[in-house]
Amino acid sequence: MADWQSSLQQFLDANPDLPQGDDAPASQPQKPQPLPRLDIIFERKGRAGKQATIIAGFPDSTPDNEIEDVARRLKQLLGTGGSARGGEILIQGDRRADVERHLRSMGYQTRRCN
């Protein structure tokens, strides 16, 4: 049994450019980055007394179209208006519980502020 192991070791020693056993290949895909924790904020200031739910906390590296997609999906699920700009999503009304539930189902971690 040791004969084939020594032969294999000699072969590997003669060919140092071959990958070794525990090394992961460079082309192996990396684990996806975890989704960020988003803050859900209730706000009434500067809106003539109207209520708004703000979703903030997207990393600066998040593309605007990804934030817009999340906003579009939330507005459709909630049946309400809103917008996405400046790295934040605004949903009309006090929809904190609903927004939190839907964001968690999308895979985001959430935290209610206020």
PDB file of N, CA and C in Angstrom:
ATOM      1  N   MET A   1       0.831  -1.194   0.000  1.00  0.00           N
ATOM      2  CA  MET A   1       0.000   0.000   0.000  1.00  0.00           C
ATOM      3  C   MET A   1       0.872   1.253   0.000  1.00  0.00           C
ATOM      4  N   ALA A   2       1.949   1.236   0.709  1.00  0.00           N
ATOM      5  CA  ALA A   2       2.828   2.391   0.782  1.00  0.00           C
ATOM      6  C   ALA A   2       3.513   2.646  -0.550  1.00  0.00           C
ATOM      7  N   ASP A   3       3.585   1.615  -1.400  1.00  0.00           N
ATOM      8  CA  ASP A   3       4.261   1.751  -2.686  1.00  0.00           C
ATOM      9  C   ASP A   3       3.577   2.782  -3.579  1.00  0.00           C
ATOM     10  N   TRP A   4       2.247   2.736  -3.694  1.00  0.00           N
ATOM     11  CA  TRP A   4       1.549   3.704  -4.544  1.00  0.00           C
ATOM     12  C   TRP A   4       1.586   5.098  -3.938  1.00  0.00           C
ATOM     13  N   GLN A   5       1.594   5.192  -2.617  1.00  0.00           N
ATOM     14  CA  GLN A   5       1.668   6.509  -1.978  1.00  0.00           C
ATOM     15  C   GLN A   5       3.018   7.161  -2.235  1.00  0.00           C
ATOM     16  N   SER A   6       4.081   6.383  -2.167  1.00  0.00           N
ATOM     17  CA  SER A   6       5.404   6.957  -2.429  1.00  0.00           C
ATOM     18  C   SER A   6       5.532   7.341  -3.907  1.00  0.00           C
ATOM     19  N   SER A   7       4.943   6.543  -4.791  1.00  0.00           N
ATOM     20  CA  SER A   7       4.980   6.871  -6.226  1.00  0.00           C
ATOM     21  C   SER A   7       4.228   8.169  -6.496  1.00  0.00           C
ATOM     22  N   LEU A   8       3.079   8.319  -5.846  1.00  0.00           N
ATOM     23  CA  LEU A   8       2.298   9.545  -6.010  1.00  0.00           C
ATOM     24  C   LEU A   8       3.066  10.755  -5.475  1.00  0.00           C
ATOM     25  N   GLN A   9       3.705  10.608  -4.336  1.00  0.00           N
ATOM     26  CA  GLN A   9       4.473  11.721  -3.760  1.00  0.00           C
ATOM     27  C   GLN A   9       5.625  12.109  -4.665  1.00  0.00           C
ATOM     28  N   GLN A  10       6.304  11.121  -5.262  1.00  0.00           N
ATOM     29  CA  GLN A  10       7.400  11.414  -6.199  1.00  0.00           C
ATOM     30  C   GLN A  10       6.871  12.186  -7.412  1.00  0.00           C
ATOM     31  N   PHE A  11       5.689  11.759  -7.903  1.00  0.00           N
ATOM     32  CA  PHE A  11       5.088  12.446  -9.044  1.00  0.00           C
ATOM     33  C   PHE A  11       4.757  13.904  -8.698  1.00  0.00           C
ATOM     34  N   LEU A  12       4.180  14.112  -7.515  1.00  0.00           N
ATOM     35  CA  LEU A  12       3.842  15.477  -7.092  1.00  0.00           C
ATOM     36  C   LEU A  12       5.085  16.326  -6.877  1.00  0.00           C
ATOM     37  N   ASP A  13       6.133  15.729  -6.332  1.00  0.00           N
ATOM     38  CA  ASP A  13       7.382  16.466  -6.121  1.00  0.00           C
ATOM     39  C   ASP A  13       8.016  16.858  -7.456  1.00  0.00           C
ATOM     40  N   ALA A  14       7.844  16.025  -8.468  1.00  0.00           N
ATOM     41  CA  ALA A  14       8.421  16.308  -9.782  1.00  0.00           C
ATOM     42  C   ALA A  14       7.608  17.350 -10.546  1.00  0.00           C
ATOM     43  N   ASN A  15       6.376  17.576 -10.146  1.00  0.00           N
ATOM     44  CA  ASN A  15       5.486  18.529 -10.816  1.00  0.00           C
ATOM     45  C   ASN A  15       4.937  19.536  -9.805  1.00  0.00           C
ATOM     46  N   PRO A  16       5.722  20.521  -9.408  1.00  0.00           N
ATOM     47  CA  PRO A  16       5.281  21.453  -8.357  1.00  0.00           C
ATOM     48  C   PRO A  16       4.153  22.390  -8.795  1.00  0.00           C
ATOM     49  N   ASP A  17       3.889  22.501 -10.103  1.00  0.00           N
ATOM     50  CA  ASP A  17       2.831  23.402 -10.567  1.00  0.00           C
ATOM     51  C   ASP A  17       1.435  22.813 -10.409  1.00  0.00           C
ATOM     52  N   LEU A  18       1.319  21.547 -10.044  1.00  0.00           N
ATOM     53  CA  LEU A  18       0.015  20.929  -9.815  1.00  0.00           C
ATOM     54  C   LEU A  18      -0.571  21.429  -8.495  1.00  0.00           C
ATOM     55  N   PRO A  19      -1.889  21.606  -8.449  1.00  0.00           N
ATOM     56  CA  PRO A  19      -2.494  22.043  -7.177  1.00  0.00           C
ATOM     57  C   PRO A  19      -2.377  20.957  -6.121  1.00  0.00           C
ATOM     58  N   GLN A  20      -2.191  21.379  -4.902  1.00  0.00           N
ATOM     59  CA  GLN A  20      -2.098  20.441  -3.792  1.00  0.00           C
ATOM     60  C   GLN A  20      -3.491  20.112  -3.289  1.00  0.00           C
ATOM     61  N   GLY A  21      -3.626  19.093  -2.465  1.00  0.00           N
ATOM     62  CA  GLY A  21      -4.906  18.550  -2.042  1.00  0.00           C
ATOM     63  C   GLY A  21      -5.875  19.528  -1.404  1.00  0.00           C
ATOM     64  N   ASP A  22      -5.456  20.342  -0.443  1.00  0.00           N
ATOM     65  CA  ASP A  22      -6.388  21.188   0.307  1.00  0.00           C
ATOM     66  C   ASP A  22      -6.603  22.553  -0.310  1.00  0.00           C
ATOM     67  N   ASP A  23      -5.860  22.895  -1.329  1.00  0.00           N
ATOM     68  CA  ASP A  23      -6.003  24.214  -1.947  1.00  0.00           C
ATOM     69  C   ASP A  23      -7.287  24.264  -2.756  1.00  0.00           C
ATOM     70  N   ALA A  24      -8.057  25.309  -2.549  1.00  0.00           N
ATOM     71  CA  ALA A  24      -9.284  25.498  -3.319  1.00  0.00           C
ATOM     72  C   ALA A  24      -8.934  26.116  -4.663  1.00  0.00           C
ATOM     73  N   PRO A  25      -9.546  25.680  -5.728  1.00  0.00           N
ATOM     74  CA  PRO A  25      -9.268  26.288  -7.027  1.00  0.00           C
ATOM     75  C   PRO A  25      -9.671  27.759  -7.048  1.00  0.00           C
ATOM     76  N   ALA A  26      -8.950  28.546  -7.807  1.00  0.00           N
ATOM     77  CA  ALA A  26      -9.198  29.986  -7.861  1.00  0.00           C
ATOM     78  C   ALA A  26     -10.532  30.307  -8.534  1.00  0.00           C
ATOM     79  N   SER A  27     -11.011  29.423  -9.390  1.00  0.00           N
ATOM     80  CA  SER A  27     -12.241  29.704 -10.105  1.00  0.00           C
ATOM     81  C   SER A  27     -13.494  29.341  -9.312  1.00  0.00           C
ATOM     82  N   GLN A  28     -13.335  28.821  -8.095  1.00  0.00           N
ATOM     83  CA  GLN A  28     -14.487  28.446  -7.290  1.00  0.00           C
ATOM     84  C   GLN A  28     -15.244  29.706  -6.857  1.00  0.00           C
ATOM     85  N   PRO A  29     -16.566  29.724  -7.029  1.00  0.00           N
ATOM     86  CA  PRO A  29     -17.321  30.931  -6.678  1.00  0.00           C
ATOM     87  C   PRO A  29     -17.276  31.195  -5.174  1.00  0.00           C
ATOM     88  N   GLN A  30     -17.244  32.472  -4.829  1.00  0.00           N
ATOM     89  CA  GLN A  30     -17.218  32.871  -3.432  1.00  0.00           C
ATOM     90  C   GLN A  30     -18.635  32.900  -2.893  1.00  0.00           C
ATOM     91  N   LYS A  31     -18.750  32.824  -1.574  1.00  0.00           N
ATOM     92  CA  LYS A  31     -20.063  32.906  -0.940  1.00  0.00           C
ATOM     93  C   LYS A  31     -20.634  34.300  -1.174  1.00  0.00           C
ATOM     94  N   PRO A  32     -21.934  34.401  -1.429  1.00  0.00           N
ATOM     95  CA  PRO A  32     -22.520  35.732  -1.621  1.00  0.00           C
ATOM     96  C   PRO A  32     -22.457  36.539  -0.330  1.00  0.00           C
ATOM     97  N   GLN A  33     -22.313  37.839  -0.483  1.00  0.00           N
ATOM     98  CA  GLN A  33     -22.270  38.724   0.668  1.00  0.00           C
ATOM     99  C   GLN A  33     -23.626  38.719   1.357  1.00  0.00           C
ATOM    100  N   PRO A  34     -23.644  38.707   2.694  1.00  0.00           N
ATOM    101  CA  PRO A  34     -24.943  38.769   3.370  1.00  0.00           C
ATOM    102  C   PRO A  34     -25.607  40.114   3.109  1.00  0.00           C
ATOM    103  N   LEU A  35     -26.921  40.104   3.072  1.00  0.00           N
ATOM    104  CA  LEU A  35     -27.650  41.347   2.840  1.00  0.00           C
ATOM    105  C   LEU A  35     -27.507  42.250   4.063  1.00  0.00           C
ATOM    106  N   PRO A  36     -27.524  43.566   3.854  1.00  0.00           N
ATOM    107  CA  PRO A  36     -27.306  44.487   4.975  1.00  0.00           C
ATOM    108  C   PRO A  36     -28.492  44.531   5.929  1.00  0.00           C
ATOM    109  N   ARG A  37     -28.216  45.028   7.143  1.00  0.00           N
ATOM    110  CA  ARG A  37     -29.294  45.268   8.105  1.00  0.00           C
ATOM    111  C   ARG A  37     -29.868  46.639   7.795  1.00  0.00           C
ATOM    112  N   LEU A  38     -31.162  46.699   7.605  1.00  0.00           N
ATOM    113  CA  LEU A  38     -31.825  47.949   7.237  1.00  0.00           C
ATOM    114  C   LEU A  38     -32.582  48.503   8.429  1.00  0.00           C
ATOM    115  N   ASP A  39     -32.565  49.816   8.567  1.00  0.00           N
ATOM    116  CA  ASP A  39     -33.294  50.502   9.629  1.00  0.00           C
ATOM    117  C   ASP A  39     -34.644  50.949   9.090  1.00  0.00           C
ATOM    118  N   ILE A  40     -35.690  50.671   9.862  1.00  0.00           N
ATOM    119  CA  ILE A  40     -37.045  51.080   9.496  1.00  0.00           C
ATOM    120  C   ILE A  40     -37.427  52.219  10.438  1.00  0.00           C
ATOM    121  N   ILE A  41     -37.667  53.387   9.875  1.00  0.00           N
ATOM    122  CA  ILE A  41     -37.880  54.604  10.654  1.00  0.00           C
ATOM    123  C   ILE A  41     -39.264  55.166  10.345  1.00  0.00           C
ATOM    124  N   PHE A  42     -39.985  55.571  11.378  1.00  0.00           N
ATOM    125  CA  PHE A  42     -41.277  56.233  11.209  1.00  0.00           C
ATOM    126  C   PHE A  42     -41.040  57.723  11.310  1.00  0.00           C
ATOM    127  N   GLU A  43     -41.586  58.479  10.364  1.00  0.00           N
ATOM    128  CA  GLU A  43     -41.324  59.916  10.342  1.00  0.00           C
ATOM    129  C   GLU A  43     -42.588  60.680   9.981  1.00  0.00           C
ATOM    130  N   ARG A  44     -42.719  61.837  10.619  1.00  0.00           N
ATOM    131  CA  ARG A  44     -43.856  62.711  10.341  1.00  0.00           C
ATOM    132  C   ARG A  44     -43.398  64.150  10.077  1.00  0.00           C
ATOM    133  N   LYS A  45     -42.149  64.425  10.348  1.00  0.00           N
ATOM    134  CA  LYS A  45     -41.630  65.792  10.229  1.00  0.00           C
ATOM    135  C   LYS A  45     -41.510  66.224   8.774  1.00  0.00           C
ATOM    136  N   GLY A  46     -41.824  67.467   8.516  1.00  0.00           N
ATOM    137  CA  GLY A  46     -41.630  68.052   7.199  1.00  0.00           C
ATOM    138  C   GLY A  46     -42.536  67.485   6.124  1.00  0.00           C
ATOM    139  N   ARG A  47     -43.620  66.852   6.525  1.00  0.00           N
ATOM    140  CA  ARG A  47     -44.515  66.233   5.553  1.00  0.00           C
ATOM    141  C   ARG A  47     -45.951  66.706   5.746  1.00  0.00           C
ATOM    142  N   ALA A  48     -46.100  67.871   6.314  1.00  0.00           N
ATOM    143  CA  ALA A  48     -47.422  68.460   6.569  1.00  0.00           C
ATOM    144  C   ALA A  48     -48.300  67.517   7.390  1.00  0.00           C
ATOM    145  N   GLY A  49     -47.684  66.841   8.371  1.00  0.00           N
ATOM    146  CA  GLY A  49     -48.421  65.951   9.256  1.00  0.00           C
ATOM    147  C   GLY A  49     -48.672  64.566   8.704  1.00  0.00           C
ATOM    148  N   LYS A  50     -48.259  64.323   7.471  1.00  0.00           N
ATOM    149  CA  LYS A  50     -48.471  63.001   6.879  1.00  0.00           C
ATOM    150  C   LYS A  50     -47.385  62.043   7.350  1.00  0.00           C
ATOM    151  N   GLN A  51     -47.759  60.786   7.484  1.00  0.00           N
ATOM    152  CA  GLN A  51     -46.838  59.785   7.999  1.00  0.00           C
ATOM    153  C   GLN A  51     -46.074  59.127   6.863  1.00  0.00           C
ATOM    154  N   ALA A  52     -44.835  58.722   7.184  1.00  0.00           N
ATOM    155  CA  ALA A  52     -44.014  58.033   6.191  1.00  0.00           C
ATOM    156  C   ALA A  52     -43.134  57.017   6.907  1.00  0.00           C
ATOM    157  N   THR A  53     -42.895  55.904   6.246  1.00  0.00           N
ATOM    158  CA  THR A  53     -41.981  54.880   6.730  1.00  0.00           C
ATOM    159  C   THR A  53     -40.741  54.945   5.849  1.00  0.00           C
ATOM    160  N   ILE A  54     -39.593  55.141   6.475  1.00  0.00           N
ATOM    161  CA  ILE A  54     -38.326  55.279   5.763  1.00  0.00           C
ATOM    162  C   ILE A  54     -37.510  54.010   5.983  1.00  0.00           C
ATOM    163  N   ILE A  55     -36.930  53.481   4.922  1.00  0.00           N
ATOM    164  CA  ILE A  55     -36.024  52.345   5.016  1.00  0.00           C
ATOM    165  C   ILE A  55     -34.642  52.850   4.640  1.00  0.00           C
ATOM    166  N   ALA A  56     -33.727  52.815   5.597  1.00  0.00           N
ATOM    167  CA  ALA A  56     -32.372  53.316   5.388  1.00  0.00           C
ATOM    168  C   ALA A  56     -31.377  52.229   5.784  1.00  0.00           C
ATOM    169  N   GLY A  57     -30.125  52.442   5.431  1.00  0.00           N
ATOM    170  CA  GLY A  57     -29.078  51.520   5.831  1.00  0.00           C
ATOM    171  C   GLY A  57     -28.474  50.728   4.693  1.00  0.00           C
ATOM    172  N   PHE A  58     -28.855  51.053   3.453  1.00  0.00           N
ATOM    173  CA  PHE A  58     -28.224  50.377   2.324  1.00  0.00           C
ATOM    174  C   PHE A  58     -26.776  50.852   2.241  1.00  0.00           C
ATOM    175  N   PRO A  59     -25.831  49.945   2.010  1.00  0.00           N
ATOM    176  CA  PRO A  59     -24.433  50.372   1.859  1.00  0.00           C
ATOM    177  C   PRO A  59     -24.278  51.307   0.662  1.00  0.00           C
ATOM    178  N   ASP A  60     -23.269  52.157   0.718  1.00  0.00           N
ATOM    179  CA  ASP A  60     -23.027  53.094  -0.381  1.00  0.00           C
ATOM    180  C   ASP A  60     -22.742  52.372  -1.694  1.00  0.00           C
ATOM    181  N   SER A  61     -22.232  51.145  -1.606  1.00  0.00           N
ATOM    182  CA  SER A  61     -21.894  50.396  -2.819  1.00  0.00           C
ATOM    183  C   SER A  61     -23.112  49.754  -3.485  1.00  0.00           C
ATOM    184  N   THR A  62     -24.287  49.846  -2.852  1.00  0.00           N
ATOM    185  CA  THR A  62     -25.495  49.256  -3.425  1.00  0.00           C
ATOM    186  C   THR A  62     -25.925  50.060  -4.644  1.00  0.00           C
ATOM    187  N   PRO A  63     -26.109  49.410  -5.789  1.00  0.00           N
ATOM    188  CA  PRO A  63     -26.542  50.143  -6.986  1.00  0.00           C
ATOM    189  C   PRO A  63     -27.945  50.711  -6.807  1.00  0.00           C
ATOM    190  N   ASP A  64     -28.181  51.868  -7.397  1.00  0.00           N
ATOM    191  CA  ASP A  64     -29.486  52.520  -7.289  1.00  0.00           C
ATOM    192  C   ASP A  64     -30.605  51.648  -7.842  1.00  0.00           C
ATOM    193  N   ASN A  65     -30.324  50.897  -8.898  1.00  0.00           N
ATOM    194  CA  ASN A  65     -31.392  50.078  -9.482  1.00  0.00           C
ATOM    195  C   ASN A  65     -31.806  48.946  -8.538  1.00  0.00           C
ATOM    196  N   GLU A  66     -30.891  48.458  -7.705  1.00  0.00           N
ATOM    197  CA  GLU A  66     -31.255  47.432  -6.724  1.00  0.00           C
ATOM    198  C   GLU A  66     -32.182  48.011  -5.654  1.00  0.00           C
ATOM    199  N   ILE A  67     -31.882  49.230  -5.205  1.00  0.00           N
ATOM    200  CA  ILE A  67     -32.742  49.894  -4.217  1.00  0.00           C
ATOM    201  C   ILE A  67     -34.109  50.168  -4.827  1.00  0.00           C
ATOM    202  N   GLU A  68     -34.135  50.594  -6.079  1.00  0.00           N
ATOM    203  CA  GLU A  68     -35.408  50.854  -6.765  1.00  0.00           C
ATOM    204  C   GLU A  68     -36.221  49.567  -6.924  1.00  0.00           C
ATOM    205  N   ASP A  69     -35.553  48.458  -7.174  1.00  0.00           N
ATOM    206  CA  ASP A  69     -36.260  47.174  -7.290  1.00  0.00           C
ATOM    207  C   ASP A  69     -36.903  46.773  -5.973  1.00  0.00           C
ATOM    208  N   VAL A  70     -36.180  46.972  -4.866  1.00  0.00           N
ATOM    209  CA  VAL A  70     -36.736  46.661  -3.543  1.00  0.00           C
ATOM    210  C   VAL A  70     -37.929  47.576  -3.268  1.00  0.00           C
ATOM    211  N   ALA A  71     -37.788  48.863  -3.590  1.00  0.00           N
ATOM    212  CA  ALA A  71     -38.886  49.812  -3.377  1.00  0.00           C
ATOM    213  C   ALA A  71     -40.100  49.437  -4.220  1.00  0.00           C
ATOM    214  N   ARG A  72     -39.882  49.087  -5.466  1.00  0.00           N
ATOM    215  CA  ARG A  72     -40.976  48.714  -6.354  1.00  0.00           C
ATOM    216  C   ARG A  72     -41.706  47.488  -5.821  1.00  0.00           C
ATOM    217  N   ARG A  73     -40.947  46.515  -5.354  1.00  0.00           N
ATOM    218  CA  ARG A  73     -41.556  45.291  -4.821  1.00  0.00           C
ATOM    219  C   ARG A  73     -42.355  45.579  -3.551  1.00  0.00           C
ATOM    220  N   LEU A  74     -41.784  46.406  -2.659  1.00  0.00           N
ATOM    221  CA  LEU A  74     -42.500  46.756  -1.424  1.00  0.00           C
ATOM    222  C   LEU A  74     -43.791  47.511  -1.730  1.00  0.00           C
ATOM    223  N   LYS A  75     -43.723  48.490  -2.628  1.00  0.00           N
ATOM    224  CA  LYS A  75     -44.916  49.265  -2.968  1.00  0.00           C
ATOM    225  C   LYS A  75     -45.998  48.376  -3.555  1.00  0.00           C
ATOM    226  N   GLN A  76     -45.590  47.415  -4.361  1.00  0.00           N
ATOM    227  CA  GLN A  76     -46.562  46.510  -4.966  1.00  0.00           C
ATOM    228  C   GLN A  76     -47.175  45.590  -3.914  1.00  0.00           C
ATOM    229  N   LEU A  77     -46.343  45.049  -3.019  1.00  0.00           N
ATOM    230  CA  LEU A  77     -46.850  44.151  -1.975  1.00  0.00           C
ATOM    231  C   LEU A  77     -47.769  44.872  -0.998  1.00  0.00           C
ATOM    232  N   LEU A  78     -47.438  46.133  -0.699  1.00  0.00           N
ATOM    233  CA  LEU A  78     -48.207  46.894   0.286  1.00  0.00           C
ATOM    234  C   LEU A  78     -49.376  47.648  -0.342  1.00  0.00           C
ATOM    235  N   GLY A  79     -49.372  47.809  -1.630  1.00  0.00           N
ATOM    236  CA  GLY A  79     -50.440  48.559  -2.294  1.00  0.00           C
ATOM    237  C   GLY A  79     -50.439  50.023  -1.895  1.00  0.00           C
ATOM    238  N   THR A  80     -49.260  50.613  -1.826  1.00  0.00           N
ATOM    239  CA  THR A  80     -49.140  52.004  -1.403  1.00  0.00           C
ATOM    240  C   THR A  80     -48.108  52.723  -2.254  1.00  0.00           C
ATOM    241  N   GLY A  81     -48.044  54.021  -2.099  1.00  0.00           N
ATOM    242  CA  GLY A  81     -47.082  54.822  -2.846  1.00  0.00           C
ATOM    243  C   GLY A  81     -45.769  54.931  -2.105  1.00  0.00           C
ATOM    244  N   GLY A  82     -44.805  55.472  -2.788  1.00  0.00           N
ATOM    245  CA  GLY A  82     -43.493  55.673  -2.179  1.00  0.00           C
ATOM    246  C   GLY A  82     -42.483  56.051  -3.231  1.00  0.00           C
ATOM    247  N   SER A  83     -41.224  56.119  -2.802  1.00  0.00           N
ATOM    248  CA  SER A  83     -40.158  56.465  -3.729  1.00  0.00           C
ATOM    249  C   SER A  83     -38.835  55.922  -3.204  1.00  0.00           C
ATOM    250  N   ALA A  84     -37.840  55.927  -4.073  1.00  0.00           N
ATOM    251  CA  ALA A  84     -36.487  55.510  -3.713  1.00  0.00           C
ATOM    252  C   ALA A  84     -35.531  56.543  -4.261  1.00  0.00           C
ATOM    253  N   ARG A  85     -34.821  57.193  -3.361  1.00  0.00           N
ATOM    254  CA  ARG A  85     -33.800  58.150  -3.794  1.00  0.00           C
ATOM    255  C   ARG A  85     -32.839  58.421  -2.655  1.00  0.00           C
ATOM    256  N   GLY A  86     -31.626  58.740  -3.025  1.00  0.00           N
ATOM    257  CA  GLY A  86     -30.618  59.057  -2.026  1.00  0.00           C
ATOM    258  C   GLY A  86     -30.246  57.871  -1.146  1.00  0.00           C
ATOM    259  N   GLY A  87     -30.393  56.662  -1.662  1.00  0.00           N
ATOM    260  CA  GLY A  87     -30.040  55.481  -0.884  1.00  0.00           C
ATOM    261  C   GLY A  87     -31.066  55.098   0.165  1.00  0.00           C
ATOM    262  N   GLU A  88     -32.260  55.678   0.098  1.00  0.00           N
ATOM    263  CA  GLU A  88     -33.328  55.375   1.042  1.00  0.00           C
ATOM    264  C   GLU A  88     -34.618  55.087   0.284  1.00  0.00           C
ATOM    265  N   ILE A  89     -35.505  54.356   0.958  1.00  0.00           N
ATOM    266  CA  ILE A  89     -36.825  54.087   0.396  1.00  0.00           C
ATOM    267  C   ILE A  89     -37.853  54.750   1.301  1.00  0.00           C
ATOM    268  N   LEU A  90     -38.797  55.457   0.713  1.00  0.00           N
ATOM    269  CA  LEU A  90     -39.883  56.094   1.451  1.00  0.00           C
ATOM    270  C   LEU A  90     -41.175  55.398   1.067  1.00  0.00           C
ATOM    271  N   ILE A  91     -41.911  54.920   2.065  1.00  0.00           N
ATOM    272  CA  ILE A  91     -43.211  54.291   1.864  1.00  0.00           C
ATOM    273  C   ILE A  91     -44.242  55.168   2.561  1.00  0.00           C
ATOM    274  N   GLN A  92     -45.307  55.506   1.883  1.00  0.00           N
ATOM    275  CA  GLN A  92     -46.327  56.374   2.467  1.00  0.00           C
ATOM    276  C   GLN A  92     -47.091  55.636   3.565  1.00  0.00           C
ATOM    277  N   GLY A  93     -47.300  56.328   4.676  1.00  0.00           N
ATOM    278  CA  GLY A  93     -48.070  55.780   5.786  1.00  0.00           C
ATOM    279  C   GLY A  93     -47.205  55.084   6.818  1.00  0.00           C
ATOM    280  N   ASP A  94     -47.835  54.721   7.935  1.00  0.00           N
ATOM    281  CA  ASP A  94     -47.151  54.002   9.005  1.00  0.00           C
ATOM    282  C   ASP A  94     -47.265  52.508   8.715  1.00  0.00           C
ATOM    283  N   ARG A  95     -46.304  51.978   7.975  1.00  0.00           N
ATOM    284  CA  ARG A  95     -46.336  50.573   7.545  1.00  0.00           C
ATOM    285  C   ARG A  95     -45.123  49.823   8.089  1.00  0.00           C
ATOM    286  N   ARG A  96     -44.649  50.202   9.276  1.00  0.00           N
ATOM    287  CA  ARG A  96     -43.430  49.609   9.828  1.00  0.00           C
ATOM    288  C   ARG A  96     -43.507  48.088   9.949  1.00  0.00           C
ATOM    289  N   ALA A  97     -44.575  47.576  10.520  1.00  0.00           N
ATOM    290  CA  ALA A  97     -44.693  46.124  10.728  1.00  0.00           C
ATOM    291  C   ALA A  97     -44.747  45.381   9.393  1.00  0.00           C
ATOM    292  N   ASP A  98     -45.511  45.907   8.451  1.00  0.00           N
ATOM    293  CA  ASP A  98     -45.628  45.261   7.140  1.00  0.00           C
ATOM    294  C   ASP A  98     -44.301  45.301   6.385  1.00  0.00           C
ATOM    295  N   VAL A  99     -43.631  46.457   6.427  1.00  0.00           N
ATOM    296  CA  VAL A  99     -42.346  46.598   5.743  1.00  0.00           C
ATOM    297  C   VAL A  99     -41.330  45.634   6.348  1.00  0.00           C
ATOM    298  N   GLU A 100     -41.314  45.548   7.665  1.00  0.00           N
ATOM    299  CA  GLU A 100     -40.367  44.651   8.324  1.00  0.00           C
ATOM    300  C   GLU A 100     -40.611  43.202   7.906  1.00  0.00           C
ATOM    301  N   ARG A 101     -41.853  42.792   7.886  1.00  0.00           N
ATOM    302  CA  ARG A 101     -42.198  41.417   7.513  1.00  0.00           C
ATOM    303  C   ARG A 101     -41.754  41.115   6.080  1.00  0.00           C
ATOM    304  N   HIS A 102     -42.027  42.016   5.160  1.00  0.00           N
ATOM    305  CA  HIS A 102     -41.679  41.780   3.757  1.00  0.00           C
ATOM    306  C   HIS A 102     -40.169  41.836   3.523  1.00  0.00           C
ATOM    307  N   LEU A 103     -39.468  42.745   4.191  1.00  0.00           N
ATOM    308  CA  LEU A 103     -38.013  42.804   4.030  1.00  0.00           C
ATOM    309  C   LEU A 103     -37.357  41.531   4.557  1.00  0.00           C
ATOM    310  N   ARG A 104     -37.859  41.025   5.674  1.00  0.00           N
ATOM    311  CA  ARG A 104     -37.306  39.775   6.208  1.00  0.00           C
ATOM    312  C   ARG A 104     -37.555  38.620   5.254  1.00  0.00           C
ATOM    313  N   SER A 105     -38.715  38.601   4.607  1.00  0.00           N
ATOM    314  CA  SER A 105     -38.987  37.528   3.648  1.00  0.00           C
ATOM    315  C   SER A 105     -38.081  37.646   2.413  1.00  0.00           C
ATOM    316  N   MET A 106     -37.566  38.845   2.136  1.00  0.00           N
ATOM    317  CA  MET A 106     -36.626  39.047   1.036  1.00  0.00           C
ATOM    318  C   MET A 106     -35.198  38.693   1.444  1.00  0.00           C
ATOM    319  N   GLY A 107     -34.976  38.447   2.741  1.00  0.00           N
ATOM    320  CA  GLY A 107     -33.654  38.058   3.205  1.00  0.00           C
ATOM    321  C   GLY A 107     -32.876  39.144   3.926  1.00  0.00           C
ATOM    322  N   TYR A 108     -33.451  40.315   4.087  1.00  0.00           N
ATOM    323  CA  TYR A 108     -32.769  41.404   4.777  1.00  0.00           C
ATOM    324  C   TYR A 108     -32.956  41.267   6.284  1.00  0.00           C
ATOM    325  N   GLN A 109     -31.965  41.721   7.026  1.00  0.00           N
ATOM    326  CA  GLN A 109     -32.113  41.860   8.471  1.00  0.00           C
ATOM    327  C   GLN A 109     -32.661  43.253   8.711  1.00  0.00           C
ATOM    328  N   THR A 110     -33.529  43.390   9.691  1.00  0.00           N
ATOM    329  CA  THR A 110     -34.151  44.692   9.922  1.00  0.00           C
ATOM    330  C   THR A 110     -34.045  45.096  11.383  1.00  0.00           C
ATOM    331  N   ARG A 111     -34.181  46.381  11.604  1.00  0.00           N
ATOM    332  CA  ARG A 111     -34.199  46.951  12.948  1.00  0.00           C
ATOM    333  C   ARG A 111     -35.137  48.144  12.916  1.00  0.00           C
ATOM    334  N   ARG A 112     -36.094  48.160  13.846  1.00  0.00           N
ATOM    335  CA  ARG A 112     -37.009  49.312  13.933  1.00  0.00           C
ATOM    336  C   ARG A 112     -36.380  50.389  14.784  1.00  0.00           C
ATOM    337  N   CYS A 113     -36.384  51.584  14.277  1.00  0.00           N
ATOM    338  CA  CYS A 113     -35.900  52.746  15.009  1.00  0.00           C
ATOM    339  C   CYS A 113     -37.103  53.644  15.268  1.00  0.00           C
ATOM    340  N   ASN A 114     -37.158  54.298  16.401  1.00  0.00           N
ATOM    341  CA  ASN A 114     -38.263  55.186  16.841  1.00  0.00           C
ATOM    342  C   ASN A 114     -39.357  54.337  17.417  1.00  0.00           C
TER     343      ASN A 114
END
